[in-house]
Amino acid sequence: MSDFESMEYDSEMSEMNMDTASDLEDETLNPGPWFPVFDIEEFYMPEMQEFRGNRLRPVDVRPDDKPHELFLSMVTDQENVDNNVVDLLVKETNRYPEDRKAVGNLKPRSRLHMWRPVNNEEMKAFLGLLLLMGIIQKPTLASYWETQDKLWLRRTPSFRSVMTRDRFLAILSNLHINNNQTALPRDHPQYDPMHKVRPAVDV
């Protein structure tokens, strides 16, 4: 190493030491909140209590099962395969906008006038996007459909390839799994606070 390189190296090390000393000084002046440290000798793991609630029914998993097949098996009544959450969602989600139209107080430009009934396959796609949002988290629903060039790093084109943003929001705004017309008032002796999701719970 030449004398010039040695001087340059010493200068860099000196600056690093000064930065480190400055950081340590800042930490001394601003220690922040104190968090107690567990004593290894005194810490113990509480004993786990035996679960005494109702256990979920077992789901048979086979090596060749696909993820969506496992999901559908968990939301389908095994004693009545025609009774499943997806079909209930389709039925009641299509019923809800029709009930709102029947009331007759919609604004002329209401999007309900353009409502297109959802089918079983589209509902599965909608649910798939909802589950995917739990993995890919973004600040707003609209941000999943962003197309601006300046936001290309944050794009998620898979969402647009499944359905449009407006269609997703239309299904979401009408999403139901039970008939509102059968709900009992709060003062009724048989009032069910879980009425809106009761079919899903029963399945």
Protein backbone atom coordinates (compact mmCIF):
# COMPACT_ATOMS: atom_id res chain seq x y z
CA MET A 1 0.00 0.00 0.00
CA SER A 2 1.47 3.40 -1.01
CA ASP A 3 1.76 6.33 1.38
CA PHE A 4 -1.09 8.09 -0.43
CA GLU A 5 -3.36 5.04 -0.21
CA SER A 6 -2.41 4.61 3.44
CA MET A 7 -3.34 8.21 4.22
CA GLU A 8 -6.64 7.83 2.36
CA TYR A 9 -7.42 4.60 4.23
CA ASP A 10 -6.57 6.19 7.59
CA SER A 11 -8.82 9.13 6.74
CA GLU A 12 -11.75 6.84 5.92
CA MET A 13 -11.25 4.85 9.13
CA SER A 14 -11.10 8.08 11.12
CA GLU A 15 -14.41 9.23 9.60
CA MET A 16 -16.00 5.85 10.37
CA ASN A 17 -14.81 6.04 13.97
CA MET A 18 -16.20 9.56 14.28
CA ASP A 19 -19.55 8.41 12.87
CA THR A 20 -19.61 5.47 15.28
CA ALA A 21 -18.77 7.71 18.22
CA SER A 22 -21.48 10.13 17.13
CA ASP A 23 -24.02 7.29 16.93
CA LEU A 24 -23.05 6.07 20.40
CA GLU A 25 -23.38 9.60 21.73
CA ASP A 26 -26.86 9.89 20.21
CA GLU A 27 -27.84 6.61 21.83
CA THR A 28 -26.56 7.88 25.18
CA LEU A 29 -28.50 11.12 24.86
CA ASN A 30 -31.61 9.36 23.52
CA PRO A 31 -31.72 5.97 25.21
CA GLY A 32 -35.36 5.38 24.24
CA PRO A 33 -37.82 3.27 26.24
CA TRP A 34 -36.47 0.53 28.49
CA PHE A 35 -37.77 -2.99 27.96
CA PRO A 36 -37.24 -5.56 30.73
CA VAL A 37 -35.26 -8.65 29.79
CA PHE A 38 -36.51 -12.09 30.80
CA ASP A 39 -34.36 -13.94 33.29
CA ILE A 40 -33.69 -17.34 31.72
CA GLU A 41 -33.46 -18.95 35.15
CA GLU A 42 -36.89 -17.69 36.22
CA PHE A 43 -38.79 -17.81 32.92
CA TYR A 44 -41.18 -20.72 32.47
CA MET A 45 -43.58 -21.78 29.74
CA PRO A 46 -47.18 -21.87 31.00
CA GLU A 47 -48.87 -25.24 30.70
CA MET A 48 -51.17 -25.49 27.68
CA GLN A 49 -54.76 -26.27 28.59
CA GLU A 50 -56.53 -29.06 26.74
CA PHE A 51 -58.92 -27.76 24.07
CA ARG A 52 -62.51 -28.46 25.13
CA GLY A 53 -64.48 -26.71 22.38
CA ASN A 54 -66.11 -28.19 19.30
CA ARG A 55 -63.47 -29.46 16.93
CA LEU A 56 -63.74 -28.82 13.20
CA ARG A 57 -64.62 -31.82 11.12
CA PRO A 58 -61.54 -33.55 9.67
CA VAL A 59 -60.69 -32.95 6.03
CA ASP A 60 -59.20 -35.81 4.05
CA VAL A 61 -56.07 -34.57 2.29
CA ARG A 62 -54.63 -36.54 -0.60
CA PRO A 63 -51.18 -35.95 -2.11
CA ASP A 64 -52.65 -34.97 -5.49
CA ASP A 65 -55.25 -32.53 -4.08
CA LYS A 66 -55.02 -29.00 -5.44
CA PRO A 67 -55.35 -25.95 -3.13
CA HIS A 68 -58.72 -24.86 -4.52
CA GLU A 69 -60.07 -28.41 -4.11
CA LEU A 70 -59.09 -28.42 -0.43
CA PHE A 71 -60.71 -25.03 0.07
CA LEU A 72 -63.96 -26.17 -1.53
CA SER A 73 -63.99 -29.33 0.59
CA MET A 74 -63.79 -27.18 3.73
CA VAL A 75 -66.74 -24.99 2.72
CA THR A 76 -68.99 -27.84 1.57
CA ASP A 77 -71.41 -29.80 3.74
CA GLN A 78 -70.14 -33.39 3.50
CA GLU A 79 -73.60 -34.76 4.30
CA ASN A 80 -75.18 -32.65 1.57
CA VAL A 81 -72.69 -31.75 -1.16
CA ASP A 82 -75.25 -29.45 -2.79
CA ASN A 83 -75.06 -27.24 0.29
CA ASN A 84 -71.84 -25.27 0.02
CA VAL A 85 -70.71 -21.72 0.71
CA VAL A 86 -69.94 -20.84 -2.92
CA ASP A 87 -73.44 -21.72 -4.15
CA LEU A 88 -74.99 -19.85 -1.22
CA LEU A 89 -72.89 -16.78 -2.00
CA VAL A 90 -73.96 -16.89 -5.65
CA LYS A 91 -77.64 -17.25 -4.76
CA GLU A 92 -77.80 -14.51 -2.14
CA THR A 93 -75.41 -12.12 -3.90
CA ASN A 94 -77.70 -12.24 -6.92
CA ARG A 95 -80.80 -11.87 -4.74
CA TYR A 96 -79.59 -8.76 -2.89
CA PRO A 97 -79.40 -6.32 -5.86
CA GLU A 98 -82.78 -7.54 -7.11
CA ASP A 99 -84.29 -6.82 -3.68
CA ARG A 100 -82.78 -3.34 -3.73
CA LYS A 101 -84.17 -2.70 -7.20
CA ALA A 102 -87.61 -3.84 -6.06
CA VAL A 103 -87.66 -1.16 -3.37
CA GLY A 104 -87.59 1.37 -6.19
CA ASN A 105 -85.56 4.19 -4.64
CA LEU A 106 -82.41 3.83 -6.72
CA LYS A 107 -80.82 6.87 -8.28
CA PRO A 108 -80.92 7.03 -12.11
CA ARG A 109 -77.14 6.58 -12.34
CA SER A 110 -76.93 3.81 -9.75
CA ARG A 111 -74.59 0.99 -10.76
CA LEU A 112 -77.21 -1.51 -9.68
CA HIS A 113 -79.04 -0.83 -12.95
CA MET A 114 -76.05 -2.43 -14.71
CA TRP A 115 -75.75 -5.39 -12.34
CA ARG A 116 -74.93 -8.65 -14.09
CA PRO A 117 -75.67 -11.86 -12.14
CA VAL A 118 -72.60 -13.65 -10.83
CA ASN A 119 -72.14 -17.36 -11.49
CA ASN A 120 -70.37 -20.13 -9.61
CA GLU A 121 -67.05 -19.89 -11.45
CA GLU A 122 -66.90 -16.11 -11.14
CA MET A 123 -67.59 -16.33 -7.41
CA LYS A 124 -64.71 -18.78 -7.01
CA ALA A 125 -62.45 -16.33 -8.86
CA PHE A 126 -63.66 -13.50 -6.59
CA LEU A 127 -62.92 -15.54 -3.46
CA GLY A 128 -59.51 -16.45 -4.86
CA LEU A 129 -58.66 -12.76 -5.26
CA LEU A 130 -59.80 -12.06 -1.70
CA LEU A 131 -57.50 -14.80 -0.38
CA LEU A 132 -54.63 -13.52 -2.52
CA MET A 133 -55.09 -10.05 -1.01
CA GLY A 134 -54.20 -11.58 2.33
CA ILE A 135 -50.82 -12.58 0.87
CA ILE A 136 -50.16 -9.54 -1.33
CA GLN A 137 -51.07 -6.61 0.89
CA LYS A 138 -51.67 -3.16 -0.59
CA PRO A 139 -53.02 0.09 0.87
CA THR A 140 -56.30 0.17 -1.10
CA LEU A 141 -58.45 -2.17 -3.17
CA ALA A 142 -57.98 -0.02 -6.26
CA SER A 143 -54.19 -0.34 -5.99
CA TYR A 144 -54.40 -4.02 -7.00
CA TRP A 145 -55.49 -2.86 -10.46
CA GLU A 146 -52.96 -0.03 -10.89
CA THR A 147 -51.62 0.42 -14.43
CA GLN A 148 -49.67 3.70 -14.24
CA ASP A 149 -46.17 3.52 -15.68
CA LYS A 150 -44.66 5.21 -12.63
CA LEU A 151 -46.04 2.44 -10.41
CA TRP A 152 -44.79 -0.48 -12.50
CA LEU A 153 -42.84 -1.97 -9.57
CA ARG A 154 -46.04 -2.35 -7.55
CA ARG A 155 -48.25 -3.76 -10.30
CA THR A 156 -50.16 -7.00 -9.82
CA PRO A 157 -51.34 -7.88 -13.35
CA SER A 158 -52.79 -11.20 -12.20
CA PHE A 159 -55.75 -9.36 -10.65
CA ARG A 160 -56.66 -7.63 -13.92
CA SER A 161 -56.33 -10.92 -15.77
CA VAL A 162 -58.98 -12.51 -13.51
CA MET A 163 -61.59 -9.72 -13.50
CA THR A 164 -61.88 -5.97 -13.83
CA ARG A 165 -61.73 -3.70 -10.82
CA ASP A 166 -65.31 -2.49 -11.35
CA ARG A 167 -66.63 -6.04 -11.51
CA PHE A 168 -64.78 -7.01 -8.32
CA LEU A 169 -66.15 -3.97 -6.49
CA ALA A 170 -69.67 -4.67 -7.80
CA ILE A 171 -69.59 -8.22 -6.41
CA LEU A 172 -68.08 -7.00 -3.14
CA SER A 173 -70.76 -4.34 -2.63
CA ASN A 174 -73.55 -6.90 -3.12
CA LEU A 175 -71.89 -9.85 -1.37
CA HIS A 176 -74.39 -11.74 0.81
CA ILE A 177 -74.80 -15.28 2.08
CA ASN A 178 -78.27 -15.04 3.62
CA ASN A 179 -81.63 -13.52 2.73
CA ASN A 180 -82.17 -10.18 4.47
CA GLN A 181 -85.93 -10.66 4.18
CA THR A 182 -85.83 -13.57 6.64
CA ALA A 183 -83.98 -11.66 9.37
CA LEU A 184 -85.97 -11.25 12.59
CA PRO A 185 -86.01 -7.95 14.54
CA ARG A 186 -83.78 -7.57 17.59
CA ASP A 187 -86.70 -7.69 20.01
CA HIS A 188 -87.92 -11.02 18.62
CA PRO A 189 -87.33 -14.00 20.98
CA GLN A 190 -85.72 -15.97 18.14
CA TYR A 191 -83.54 -13.10 16.91
CA ASP A 192 -80.25 -14.42 15.51
CA PRO A 193 -77.30 -11.98 15.76
CA MET A 194 -75.41 -14.26 13.35
CA HIS A 195 -78.16 -14.21 10.72
CA LYS A 196 -76.05 -12.59 8.00
CA VAL A 197 -73.45 -15.38 8.14
CA ARG A 198 -75.53 -18.21 9.63
CA PRO A 199 -75.49 -20.43 6.48
CA ALA A 200 -71.68 -20.31 6.38
CA VAL A 201 -71.48 -21.20 10.07
CA ASP A 202 -73.89 -24.11 9.66
CA VAL A 203 -71.99 -25.55 6.70
